[in-house]
Amino acid sequence: MPTQNLDYTSFLIRLWREPPASLEPQTADRPWLAQVEHIPGGEKEYFASLEELFAFIRAQLPNPSQKPNPGQ
């Protein structure tokens, strides 16, 4: 969930690739998998692509076009 009045946040990101199914090296064909932990609350999420990971992180940040609300 995005934080409203955010000046700082932390994420712990783990990236890995599963071993190839065969003995032939296919490094380029194996996608990166990711786990992200949003440090303030400890929530963990898993992603099958880096694009999904980046979209999640962007969604956690306030929209830069919105003005911060000092009352929150």
Protein backbone atom coordinates (compact mmCIF):
# COMPACT_ATOMS: atom_id res chain seq x y z
CA MET A 1 0.00 0.00 0.00
CA PRO A 2 1.48 3.41 -0.94
CA THR A 3 2.59 5.65 1.89
CA GLN A 4 0.95 9.08 1.72
CA ASN A 5 3.56 11.43 3.19
CA LEU A 6 6.70 9.61 2.07
CA ASP A 7 10.18 11.08 2.27
CA TYR A 8 12.05 7.79 2.67
CA THR A 9 11.35 4.09 2.32
CA SER A 10 13.38 0.88 2.10
CA PHE A 11 13.09 -2.31 0.10
CA LEU A 12 15.14 -5.47 0.36
CA ILE A 13 15.30 -7.09 -3.08
CA ARG A 14 16.45 -10.65 -3.78
CA LEU A 15 17.07 -11.76 -7.38
CA TRP A 16 17.82 -15.27 -8.62
CA ARG A 17 17.46 -17.62 -11.56
CA GLU A 18 16.41 -21.22 -11.24
CA PRO A 19 18.95 -23.81 -12.42
CA PRO A 20 18.49 -24.96 -16.01
CA ALA A 21 16.28 -28.01 -16.49
CA SER A 22 18.92 -29.69 -18.64
CA LEU A 23 22.70 -29.80 -18.48
CA GLU A 24 23.01 -27.43 -21.44
CA PRO A 25 23.76 -23.87 -20.35
CA GLN A 26 20.80 -21.66 -21.25
CA THR A 27 21.58 -18.66 -19.11
CA ALA A 28 19.97 -16.12 -21.42
CA ASP A 29 16.69 -18.08 -21.54
CA ARG A 30 16.20 -18.31 -17.80
CA PRO A 31 14.18 -15.37 -16.43
CA TRP A 32 15.13 -13.50 -13.30
CA LEU A 33 12.83 -14.12 -10.36
CA ALA A 34 12.47 -11.63 -7.54
CA GLN A 35 11.34 -11.22 -3.98
CA VAL A 36 10.89 -7.79 -2.48
CA GLU A 37 10.42 -7.00 1.19
CA HIS A 38 9.02 -3.57 2.00
CA ILE A 39 10.99 -2.85 5.16
CA PRO A 40 8.58 -0.59 7.10
CA GLY A 41 5.88 -3.28 7.30
CA GLY A 42 7.82 -6.44 6.46
CA GLU A 43 5.46 -7.46 3.65
CA LYS A 44 7.05 -9.83 1.12
CA GLU A 45 6.00 -10.22 -2.50
CA TYR A 46 7.32 -12.52 -5.24
CA PHE A 47 7.57 -11.72 -8.95
CA ALA A 48 8.23 -13.74 -12.09
CA SER A 49 9.73 -10.77 -13.96
CA LEU A 50 11.71 -7.64 -13.26
CA GLU A 51 8.98 -5.56 -14.93
CA GLU A 52 6.46 -6.79 -12.34
CA LEU A 53 8.93 -6.00 -9.54
CA PHE A 54 9.49 -2.44 -10.79
CA ALA A 55 5.73 -1.88 -11.20
CA PHE A 56 5.19 -2.98 -7.59
CA ILE A 57 7.86 -0.60 -6.27
CA ARG A 58 6.46 2.29 -8.33
CA ALA A 59 3.00 1.58 -6.89
CA GLN A 60 4.39 1.89 -3.35
CA LEU A 61 5.58 5.45 -3.95
CA PRO A 62 3.32 8.50 -3.96
CA ASN A 63 2.40 9.90 -7.36
CA PRO A 64 4.88 12.74 -8.04
CA SER A 65 2.13 14.81 -9.66
CA GLN A 66 0.11 14.86 -6.43
CA LYS A 67 0.88 17.51 -3.86
CA PRO A 68 1.58 16.09 -0.37
CA ASN A 69 -1.18 16.60 2.19
CA PRO A 70 0.45 17.97 5.38
CA GLY A 71 -2.59 16.92 7.42
CA GLN A 72 -1.91 13.21 6.90
